[in-house]
Amino acid sequence: MNQGTTIRVRTRDNLLELLKTGRSGWWIVAEYRESSLRFVEVYSWDGELVLRGEYEPSQVERRNYDVRINLGFKNAKIELVNTNSHALLLYLGDTSVIN
């Protein structure tokens, strides 16, 4: 059963600040993917931490001049990344649908 898409991004932004604001930072997301989004994962640039949350469409901000959106999320937490599975994730370029 399709539970929705997880968007995974990598940032140099402070994950604690993103957690406080409930926003992911500005990203380009294909319009056709927005309707299936369910989860947001924001990885720190060094890959050691990940902010995981549920996508919150009512909190999305849009910038018309560069088509970027700032994804809102709720029920979020910051976790340490299992470096072995993260390395595999980056190698495969995984943007899969959660089943």
PDB file of N, CA and C in Angstrom:
ATOM      1  N   MET A   1       0.839  -1.179   0.000  1.00  0.00           N
ATOM      2  CA  MET A   1       0.000   0.000   0.000  1.00  0.00           C
ATOM      3  C   MET A   1       0.886   1.245   0.000  1.00  0.00           C
ATOM      4  N   ASN A   2       0.600   2.183  -0.873  1.00  0.00           N
ATOM      5  CA  ASN A   2       1.376   3.409  -0.993  1.00  0.00           C
ATOM      6  C   ASN A   2       0.996   4.365   0.131  1.00  0.00           C
ATOM      7  N   GLN A   3       1.960   4.678   0.985  1.00  0.00           N
ATOM      8  CA  GLN A   3       1.714   5.584   2.102  1.00  0.00           C
ATOM      9  C   GLN A   3       2.183   6.993   1.797  1.00  0.00           C
ATOM     10  N   GLY A   4       2.713   7.231   0.629  1.00  0.00           N
ATOM     11  CA  GLY A   4       3.187   8.554   0.268  1.00  0.00           C
ATOM     12  C   GLY A   4       4.677   8.590   0.030  1.00  0.00           C
ATOM     13  N   THR A   5       5.124   9.691  -0.496  1.00  0.00           N
ATOM     14  CA  THR A   5       6.523   9.873  -0.863  1.00  0.00           C
ATOM     15  C   THR A   5       7.280  10.577   0.257  1.00  0.00           C
ATOM     16  N   THR A   6       8.521  10.174   0.443  1.00  0.00           N
ATOM     17  CA  THR A   6       9.430  10.863   1.355  1.00  0.00           C
ATOM     18  C   THR A   6      10.364  11.720   0.524  1.00  0.00           C
ATOM     19  N   ILE A   7      10.416  13.006   0.827  1.00  0.00           N
ATOM     20  CA  ILE A   7      11.384  13.875   0.158  1.00  0.00           C
ATOM     21  C   ILE A   7      12.616  13.936   1.049  1.00  0.00           C
ATOM     22  N   ARG A   8      13.777  13.725   0.449  1.00  0.00           N
ATOM     23  CA  ARG A   8      15.041  13.748   1.182  1.00  0.00           C
ATOM     24  C   ARG A   8      15.925  14.834   0.585  1.00  0.00           C
ATOM     25  N   VAL A   9      16.389  15.734   1.456  1.00  0.00           N
ATOM     26  CA  VAL A   9      17.257  16.821   1.018  1.00  0.00           C
ATOM     27  C   VAL A   9      18.446  16.905   1.965  1.00  0.00           C
ATOM     28  N   ARG A  10      19.483  17.561   1.492  1.00  0.00           N
ATOM     29  CA  ARG A  10      20.706  17.743   2.275  1.00  0.00           C
ATOM     30  C   ARG A  10      20.967  19.235   2.378  1.00  0.00           C
ATOM     31  N   THR A  11      21.347  19.704   3.568  1.00  0.00           N
ATOM     32  CA  THR A  11      21.501  21.143   3.763  1.00  0.00           C
ATOM     33  C   THR A  11      22.688  21.476   4.666  1.00  0.00           C
ATOM     34  N   ARG A  12      23.158  22.696   4.512  1.00  0.00           N
ATOM     35  CA  ARG A  12      24.161  23.241   5.434  1.00  0.00           C
ATOM     36  C   ARG A  12      23.477  24.028   6.551  1.00  0.00           C
ATOM     37  N   ASP A  13      22.156  24.198   6.456  1.00  0.00           N
ATOM     38  CA  ASP A  13      21.391  24.922   7.483  1.00  0.00           C
ATOM     39  C   ASP A  13      21.430  24.171   8.809  1.00  0.00           C
ATOM     40  N   ASN A  14      21.251  24.897   9.894  1.00  0.00           N
ATOM     41  CA  ASN A  14      21.216  24.324  11.231  1.00  0.00           C
ATOM     42  C   ASN A  14      19.899  23.562  11.412  1.00  0.00           C
ATOM     43  N   LEU A  15      19.978  22.256  11.658  1.00  0.00           N
ATOM     44  CA  LEU A  15      18.771  21.443  11.794  1.00  0.00           C
ATOM     45  C   LEU A  15      17.924  21.861  12.989  1.00  0.00           C
ATOM     46  N   LEU A  16      18.553  22.345  14.058  1.00  0.00           N
ATOM     47  CA  LEU A  16      17.774  22.809  15.215  1.00  0.00           C
ATOM     48  C   LEU A  16      16.918  24.017  14.848  1.00  0.00           C
ATOM     49  N   GLU A  17      17.465  24.922  14.037  1.00  0.00           N
ATOM     50  CA  GLU A  17      16.685  26.083  13.594  1.00  0.00           C
ATOM     51  C   GLU A  17      15.519  25.650  12.710  1.00  0.00           C
ATOM     52  N   LEU A  18      15.774  24.705  11.827  1.00  0.00           N
ATOM     53  CA  LEU A  18      14.697  24.200  10.971  1.00  0.00           C
ATOM     54  C   LEU A  18      13.619  23.521  11.816  1.00  0.00           C
ATOM     55  N   LEU A  19      14.034  22.782  12.830  1.00  0.00           N
ATOM     56  CA  LEU A  19      13.085  22.120  13.719  1.00  0.00           C
ATOM     57  C   LEU A  19      12.215  23.144  14.441  1.00  0.00           C
ATOM     58  N   LYS A  20      12.839  24.230  14.901  1.00  0.00           N
ATOM     59  CA  LYS A  20      12.094  25.289  15.599  1.00  0.00           C
ATOM     60  C   LYS A  20      11.046  25.942  14.699  1.00  0.00           C
ATOM     61  N   THR A  21      11.401  26.172  13.442  1.00  0.00           N
ATOM     62  CA  THR A  21      10.488  26.858  12.536  1.00  0.00           C
ATOM     63  C   THR A  21       9.465  25.924  11.903  1.00  0.00           C
ATOM     64  N   GLY A  22       9.752  24.621  11.915  1.00  0.00           N
ATOM     65  CA  GLY A  22       8.847  23.671  11.276  1.00  0.00           C
ATOM     66  C   GLY A  22       8.873  23.761   9.762  1.00  0.00           C
ATOM     67  N   ARG A  23      10.003  24.224   9.239  1.00  0.00           N
ATOM     68  CA  ARG A  23      10.154  24.386   7.785  1.00  0.00           C
ATOM     69  C   ARG A  23      11.481  23.777   7.336  1.00  0.00           C
ATOM     70  N   SER A  24      11.510  23.327   6.097  1.00  0.00           N
ATOM     71  CA  SER A  24      12.668  22.595   5.572  1.00  0.00           C
ATOM     72  C   SER A  24      13.747  23.456   4.940  1.00  0.00           C
ATOM     73  N   GLY A  25      13.444  24.690   4.650  1.00  0.00           N
ATOM     74  CA  GLY A  25      14.319  25.496   3.814  1.00  0.00           C
ATOM     75  C   GLY A  25      13.765  25.458   2.392  1.00  0.00           C
ATOM     76  N   TRP A  26      14.346  26.230   1.498  1.00  0.00           N
ATOM     77  CA  TRP A  26      13.787  26.395   0.145  1.00  0.00           C
ATOM     78  C   TRP A  26      14.326  25.359  -0.816  1.00  0.00           C
ATOM     79  N   TRP A  27      13.408  24.661  -1.513  1.00  0.00           N
ATOM     80  CA  TRP A  27      13.768  23.591  -2.438  1.00  0.00           C
ATOM     81  C   TRP A  27      12.890  23.648  -3.669  1.00  0.00           C
ATOM     82  N   ILE A  28      13.379  23.067  -4.745  1.00  0.00           N
ATOM     83  CA  ILE A  28      12.562  22.891  -5.943  1.00  0.00           C
ATOM     84  C   ILE A  28      12.004  21.478  -5.894  1.00  0.00           C
ATOM     85  N   VAL A  29      10.691  21.382  -5.940  1.00  0.00           N
ATOM     86  CA  VAL A  29      10.008  20.087  -5.899  1.00  0.00           C
ATOM     87  C   VAL A  29       9.093  20.024  -7.107  1.00  0.00           C
ATOM     88  N   ALA A  30       9.170  18.933  -7.836  1.00  0.00           N
ATOM     89  CA  ALA A  30       8.293  18.772  -9.001  1.00  0.00           C
ATOM     90  C   ALA A  30       6.838  18.860  -8.546  1.00  0.00           C
ATOM     91  N   GLU A  31       6.061  19.655  -9.265  1.00  0.00           N
ATOM     92  CA  GLU A  31       4.669  19.890  -8.891  1.00  0.00           C
ATOM     93  C   GLU A  31       3.877  18.586  -8.770  1.00  0.00           C
ATOM     94  N   TYR A  32       4.139  17.655  -9.672  1.00  0.00           N
ATOM     95  CA  TYR A  32       3.388  16.402  -9.648  1.00  0.00           C
ATOM     96  C   TYR A  32       3.700  15.557  -8.411  1.00  0.00           C
ATOM     97  N   ARG A  33       4.809  15.827  -7.740  1.00  0.00           N
ATOM     98  CA  ARG A  33       5.160  15.063  -6.538  1.00  0.00           C
ATOM     99  C   ARG A  33       4.503  15.612  -5.266  1.00  0.00           C
ATOM    100  N   GLU A  34       4.146  16.881  -5.294  1.00  0.00           N
ATOM    101  CA  GLU A  34       3.613  17.516  -4.086  1.00  0.00           C
ATOM    102  C   GLU A  34       2.405  16.794  -3.513  1.00  0.00           C
ATOM    103  N   SER A  35       1.519  16.353  -4.371  1.00  0.00           N
ATOM    104  CA  SER A  35       0.285  15.724  -3.876  1.00  0.00           C
ATOM    105  C   SER A  35       0.535  14.390  -3.181  1.00  0.00           C
ATOM    106  N   SER A  36       1.662  13.739  -3.464  1.00  0.00           N
ATOM    107  CA  SER A  36       1.943  12.448  -2.832  1.00  0.00           C
ATOM    108  C   SER A  36       2.906  12.546  -1.648  1.00  0.00           C
ATOM    109  N   LEU A  37       3.414  13.760  -1.347  1.00  0.00           N
ATOM    110  CA  LEU A  37       4.359  13.904  -0.235  1.00  0.00           C
ATOM    111  C   LEU A  37       3.697  13.540   1.090  1.00  0.00           C
ATOM    112  N   ARG A  38       4.440  12.802   1.903  1.00  0.00           N
ATOM    113  CA  ARG A  38       3.938  12.454   3.228  1.00  0.00           C
ATOM    114  C   ARG A  38       4.981  12.714   4.305  1.00  0.00           C
ATOM    115  N   PHE A  39       6.251  12.536   3.968  1.00  0.00           N
ATOM    116  CA  PHE A  39       7.325  12.689   4.952  1.00  0.00           C
ATOM    117  C   PHE A  39       8.433  13.586   4.403  1.00  0.00           C
ATOM    118  N   VAL A  40       9.114  14.281   5.323  1.00  0.00           N
ATOM    119  CA  VAL A  40      10.250  15.142   4.982  1.00  0.00           C
ATOM    120  C   VAL A  40      11.449  14.663   5.780  1.00  0.00           C
ATOM    121  N   GLU A  41      12.583  14.491   5.104  1.00  0.00           N
ATOM    122  CA  GLU A  41      13.850  14.167   5.766  1.00  0.00           C
ATOM    123  C   GLU A  41      14.881  15.189   5.307  1.00  0.00           C
ATOM    124  N   VAL A  42      15.463  15.897   6.265  1.00  0.00           N
ATOM    125  CA  VAL A  42      16.487  16.898   5.968  1.00  0.00           C
ATOM    126  C   VAL A  42      17.782  16.438   6.625  1.00  0.00           C
ATOM    127  N   TYR A  43      18.765  16.098   5.806  1.00  0.00           N
ATOM    128  CA  TYR A  43      20.050  15.612   6.301  1.00  0.00           C
ATOM    129  C   TYR A  43      21.027  16.757   6.459  1.00  0.00           C
ATOM    130  N   SER A  44      21.822  16.703   7.538  1.00  0.00           N
ATOM    131  CA  SER A  44      22.895  17.681   7.699  1.00  0.00           C
ATOM    132  C   SER A  44      23.919  17.439   6.599  1.00  0.00           C
ATOM    133  N   TRP A  45      24.669  18.466   6.269  1.00  0.00           N
ATOM    134  CA  TRP A  45      25.627  18.376   5.169  1.00  0.00           C
ATOM    135  C   TRP A  45      26.643  17.266   5.394  1.00  0.00           C
ATOM    136  N   ASP A  46      27.065  17.084   6.646  1.00  0.00           N
ATOM    137  CA  ASP A  46      28.058  16.048   6.939  1.00  0.00           C
ATOM    138  C   ASP A  46      27.434  14.659   7.027  1.00  0.00           C
ATOM    139  N   GLY A  47      26.115  14.580   6.963  1.00  0.00           N
ATOM    140  CA  GLY A  47      25.434  13.291   6.949  1.00  0.00           C
ATOM    141  C   GLY A  47      25.294  12.616   8.300  1.00  0.00           C
ATOM    142  N   GLU A  48      25.629  13.319   9.383  1.00  0.00           N
ATOM    143  CA  GLU A  48      25.572  12.703  10.702  1.00  0.00           C
ATOM    144  C   GLU A  48      24.190  12.771  11.345  1.00  0.00           C
ATOM    145  N   LEU A  49      23.400  13.778  10.975  1.00  0.00           N
ATOM    146  CA  LEU A  49      22.085  13.975  11.589  1.00  0.00           C
ATOM    147  C   LEU A  49      21.009  14.064  10.509  1.00  0.00           C
ATOM    148  N   VAL A  50      19.807  13.688  10.893  1.00  0.00           N
ATOM    149  CA  VAL A  50      18.660  13.845  10.000  1.00  0.00           C
ATOM    150  C   VAL A  50      17.481  14.364  10.807  1.00  0.00           C
ATOM    151  N   LEU A  51      16.770  15.311  10.230  1.00  0.00           N
ATOM    152  CA  LEU A  51      15.528  15.813  10.799  1.00  0.00           C
ATOM    153  C   LEU A  51      14.416  15.083  10.043  1.00  0.00           C
ATOM    154  N   ARG A  52      13.569  14.361  10.761  1.00  0.00           N
ATOM    155  CA  ARG A  52      12.474  13.613  10.133  1.00  0.00           C
ATOM    156  C   ARG A  52      11.149  14.134  10.650  1.00  0.00           C
ATOM    157  N   GLY A  53      10.210  14.354   9.738  1.00  0.00           N
ATOM    158  CA  GLY A  53       8.894  14.818  10.141  1.00  0.00           C
ATOM    159  C   GLY A  53       7.838  14.458   9.120  1.00  0.00           C
ATOM    160  N   GLU A  54       6.592  14.693   9.492  1.00  0.00           N
ATOM    161  CA  GLU A  54       5.464  14.482   8.590  1.00  0.00           C
ATOM    162  C   GLU A  54       5.232  15.767   7.809  1.00  0.00           C
ATOM    163  N   TYR A  55       5.057  15.634   6.524  1.00  0.00           N
ATOM    164  CA  TYR A  55       4.793  16.779   5.651  1.00  0.00           C
ATOM    165  C   TYR A  55       3.491  17.451   6.076  1.00  0.00           C
ATOM    166  N   GLU A  56       3.509  18.785   6.158  1.00  0.00           N
ATOM    167  CA  GLU A  56       2.335  19.567   6.550  1.00  0.00           C
ATOM    168  C   GLU A  56       2.018  20.575   5.442  1.00  0.00           C
ATOM    169  N   PRO A  57       1.112  20.208   4.504  1.00  0.00           N
ATOM    170  CA  PRO A  57       0.831  21.075   3.358  1.00  0.00           C
ATOM    171  C   PRO A  57       0.326  22.468   3.729  1.00  0.00           C
ATOM    172  N   SER A  58      -0.341  22.597   4.854  1.00  0.00           N
ATOM    173  CA  SER A  58      -0.876  23.914   5.234  1.00  0.00           C
ATOM    174  C   SER A  58       0.230  24.892   5.632  1.00  0.00           C
ATOM    175  N   GLN A  59       1.441  24.410   5.845  1.00  0.00           N
ATOM    176  CA  GLN A  59       2.561  25.258   6.250  1.00  0.00           C
ATOM    177  C   GLN A  59       3.548  25.551   5.117  1.00  0.00           C
ATOM    178  N   VAL A  60       3.206  25.178   3.896  1.00  0.00           N
ATOM    179  CA  VAL A  60       4.097  25.387   2.758  1.00  0.00           C
ATOM    180  C   VAL A  60       4.111  26.860   2.357  1.00  0.00           C
ATOM    181  N   GLU A  61       5.308  27.378   2.097  1.00  0.00           N
ATOM    182  CA  GLU A  61       5.478  28.727   1.542  1.00  0.00           C
ATOM    183  C   GLU A  61       5.998  28.576   0.119  1.00  0.00           C
ATOM    184  N   ARG A  62       5.584  29.483  -0.762  1.00  0.00           N
ATOM    185  CA  ARG A  62       6.022  29.443  -2.157  1.00  0.00           C
ATOM    186  C   ARG A  62       6.677  30.759  -2.549  1.00  0.00           C
ATOM    187  N   ARG A  63       7.727  30.631  -3.383  1.00  0.00           N
ATOM    188  CA  ARG A  63       8.346  31.819  -3.985  1.00  0.00           C
ATOM    189  C   ARG A  63       8.086  31.729  -5.480  1.00  0.00           C
ATOM    190  N   ASN A  64       7.365  32.680  -6.016  1.00  0.00           N
ATOM    191  CA  ASN A  64       7.005  32.644  -7.432  1.00  0.00           C
ATOM    192  C   ASN A  64       8.174  32.934  -8.362  1.00  0.00           C
ATOM    193  N   TYR A  65       9.157  33.721  -7.907  1.00  0.00           N
ATOM    194  CA  TYR A  65      10.222  34.120  -8.812  1.00  0.00           C
ATOM    195  C   TYR A  65      11.219  33.013  -9.125  1.00  0.00           C
ATOM    196  N   ASP A  66      11.301  31.991  -8.286  1.00  0.00           N
ATOM    197  CA  ASP A  66      12.223  30.891  -8.597  1.00  0.00           C
ATOM    198  C   ASP A  66      11.599  29.511  -8.356  1.00  0.00           C
ATOM    199  N   VAL A  67      10.318  29.445  -8.239  1.00  0.00           N
ATOM    200  CA  VAL A  67       9.511  28.220  -8.078  1.00  0.00           C
ATOM    201  C   VAL A  67       9.960  27.311  -6.931  1.00  0.00           C
ATOM    202  N   ARG A  68      10.615  27.872  -5.949  1.00  0.00           N
ATOM    203  CA  ARG A  68      11.014  27.068  -4.788  1.00  0.00           C
ATOM    204  C   ARG A  68       9.903  27.066  -3.751  1.00  0.00           C
ATOM    205  N   ILE A  69       9.849  25.967  -2.985  1.00  0.00           N
ATOM    206  CA  ILE A  69       8.906  25.913  -1.878  1.00  0.00           C
ATOM    207  C   ILE A  69       9.643  25.586  -0.592  1.00  0.00           C
ATOM    208  N   ASN A  70       9.111  26.091   0.498  1.00  0.00           N
ATOM    209  CA  ASN A  70       9.626  25.837   1.831  1.00  0.00           C
ATOM    210  C   ASN A  70       8.638  24.855   2.467  1.00  0.00           C
ATOM    211  N   LEU A  71       9.037  23.609   2.563  1.00  0.00           N
ATOM    212  CA  LEU A  71       8.143  22.558   3.027  1.00  0.00           C
ATOM    213  C   LEU A  71       7.906  22.646   4.524  1.00  0.00           C
ATOM    214  N   GLY A  72       6.654  22.619   4.916  1.00  0.00           N
ATOM    215  CA  GLY A  72       6.314  22.590   6.330  1.00  0.00           C
ATOM    216  C   GLY A  72       6.245  21.149   6.819  1.00  0.00           C
ATOM    217  N   PHE A  73       6.519  20.949   8.109  1.00  0.00           N
ATOM    218  CA  PHE A  73       6.414  19.607   8.673  1.00  0.00           C
ATOM    219  C   PHE A  73       5.958  19.678  10.114  1.00  0.00           C
ATOM    220  N   LYS A  74       5.504  18.548  10.640  1.00  0.00           N
ATOM    221  CA  LYS A  74       5.061  18.443  12.030  1.00  0.00           C
ATOM    222  C   LYS A  74       5.563  17.117  12.592  1.00  0.00           C
ATOM    223  N   ASN A  75       5.416  16.955  13.908  1.00  0.00           N
ATOM    224  CA  ASN A  75       5.845  15.723  14.589  1.00  0.00           C
ATOM    225  C   ASN A  75       7.272  15.342  14.190  1.00  0.00           C
ATOM    226  N   ALA A  76       8.155  16.319  14.235  1.00  0.00           N
ATOM    227  CA  ALA A  76       9.522  16.119  13.760  1.00  0.00           C
ATOM    228  C   ALA A  76      10.485  15.872  14.911  1.00  0.00           C
ATOM    229  N   LYS A  77      11.585  15.224  14.561  1.00  0.00           N
ATOM    230  CA  LYS A  77      12.674  15.008  15.517  1.00  0.00           C
ATOM    231  C   LYS A  77      13.980  14.906  14.758  1.00  0.00           C
ATOM    232  N   ILE A  78      15.067  15.161  15.476  1.00  0.00           N
ATOM    233  CA  ILE A  78      16.412  15.040  14.907  1.00  0.00           C
ATOM    234  C   ILE A  78      17.019  13.761  15.448  1.00  0.00           C
ATOM    235  N   GLU A  79      17.591  12.969  14.540  1.00  0.00           N
ATOM    236  CA  GLU A  79      18.176  11.680  14.916  1.00  0.00           C
ATOM    237  C   GLU A  79      19.586  11.564  14.360  1.00  0.00           C
ATOM    238  N   LEU A  80      20.380  10.717  15.013  1.00  0.00           N
ATOM    239  CA  LEU A  80      21.667  10.337  14.451  1.00  0.00           C
ATOM    240  C   LEU A  80      21.408   9.412  13.275  1.00  0.00           C
ATOM    241  N   VAL A  81      22.250   9.515  12.260  1.00  0.00           N
ATOM    242  CA  VAL A  81      22.096   8.682  11.075  1.00  0.00           C
ATOM    243  C   VAL A  81      22.949   7.441  11.223  1.00  0.00           C
ATOM    244  N   ASN A  82      22.377   6.304  10.859  1.00  0.00           N
ATOM    245  CA  ASN A  82      23.147   5.066  10.762  1.00  0.00           C
ATOM    246  C   ASN A  82      23.999   5.215   9.511  1.00  0.00           C
ATOM    247  N   THR A  83      25.296   5.383   9.682  1.00  0.00           N
ATOM    248  CA  THR A  83      26.150   5.733   8.553  1.00  0.00           C
ATOM    249  C   THR A  83      26.176   4.659   7.472  1.00  0.00           C
ATOM    250  N   ASN A  84      26.009   3.406   7.826  1.00  0.00           N
ATOM    251  CA  ASN A  84      26.017   2.354   6.805  1.00  0.00           C
ATOM    252  C   ASN A  84      24.802   2.464   5.895  1.00  0.00           C
ATOM    253  N   SER A  85      23.612   2.627   6.455  1.00  0.00           N
ATOM    254  CA  SER A  85      22.416   2.717   5.611  1.00  0.00           C
ATOM    255  C   SER A  85      22.377   4.049   4.877  1.00  0.00           C
ATOM    256  N   HIS A  86      22.912   5.106   5.498  1.00  0.00           N
ATOM    257  CA  HIS A  86      22.933   6.417   4.838  1.00  0.00           C
ATOM    258  C   HIS A  86      23.846   6.375   3.619  1.00  0.00           C
ATOM    259  N   ALA A  87      25.000   5.732   3.755  1.00  0.00           N
ATOM    260  CA  ALA A  87      25.916   5.623   2.622  1.00  0.00           C
ATOM    261  C   ALA A  87      25.233   4.887   1.474  1.00  0.00           C
ATOM    262  N   LEU A  88      24.507   3.851   1.780  1.00  0.00           N
ATOM    263  CA  LEU A  88      23.779   3.107   0.760  1.00  0.00           C
ATOM    264  C   LEU A  88      22.704   3.991   0.134  1.00  0.00           C
ATOM    265  N   LEU A  89      22.016   4.751   0.960  1.00  0.00           N
ATOM    266  CA  LEU A  89      20.972   5.654   0.475  1.00  0.00           C
ATOM    267  C   LEU A  89      21.556   6.655  -0.512  1.00  0.00           C
ATOM    268  N   LEU A  90      22.685   7.254  -0.189  1.00  0.00           N
ATOM    269  CA  LEU A  90      23.300   8.229  -1.075  1.00  0.00           C
ATOM    270  C   LEU A  90      23.806   7.563  -2.354  1.00  0.00           C
ATOM    271  N   TYR A  91      24.349   6.368  -2.229  1.00  0.00           N
ATOM    272  CA  TYR A  91      24.873   5.646  -3.383  1.00  0.00           C
ATOM    273  C   TYR A  91      23.753   5.309  -4.366  1.00  0.00           C
ATOM    274  N   LEU A  92      22.628   4.874  -3.845  1.00  0.00           N
ATOM    275  CA  LEU A  92      21.515   4.491  -4.706  1.00  0.00           C
ATOM    276  C   LEU A  92      20.718   5.696  -5.195  1.00  0.00           C
ATOM    277  N   GLY A  93      20.918   6.856  -4.545  1.00  0.00           N
ATOM    278  CA  GLY A  93      20.152   8.029  -4.911  1.00  0.00           C
ATOM    279  C   GLY A  93      18.672   7.826  -4.609  1.00  0.00           C
ATOM    280  N   ASP A  94      18.379   7.193  -3.516  1.00  0.00           N
ATOM    281  CA  ASP A  94      17.023   6.764  -3.179  1.00  0.00           C
ATOM    282  C   ASP A  94      16.078   7.944  -2.969  1.00  0.00           C
ATOM    283  N   THR A  95      15.011   7.981  -3.738  1.00  0.00           N
ATOM    284  CA  THR A  95      13.896   8.901  -3.518  1.00  0.00           C
ATOM    285  C   THR A  95      12.617   8.094  -3.619  1.00  0.00           C
ATOM    286  N   SER A  96      12.680   6.888  -3.069  1.00  0.00           N
ATOM    287  CA  SER A  96      11.613   5.913  -3.285  1.00  0.00           C
ATOM    288  C   SER A  96      10.345   6.233  -2.506  1.00  0.00           C
ATOM    289  N   VAL A  97       9.302   5.563  -2.894  1.00  0.00           N
ATOM    290  CA  VAL A  97       8.023   5.639  -2.211  1.00  0.00           C
ATOM    291  C   VAL A  97       8.047   4.631  -1.086  1.00  0.00           C
ATOM    292  N   ILE A  98       7.536   5.045   0.064  1.00  0.00           N
ATOM    293  CA  ILE A  98       7.464   4.148   1.208  1.00  0.00           C
ATOM    294  C   ILE A  98       6.322   3.171   0.986  1.00  0.00           C
ATOM    295  N   ASN A  99       6.595   1.912   1.142  1.00  0.00           N
ATOM    296  CA  ASN A  99       5.559   0.883   1.000  1.00  0.00           C
ATOM    297  C   ASN A  99       5.276   0.215   2.318  1.00  0.00           C
TER     298      ASN A  99
END
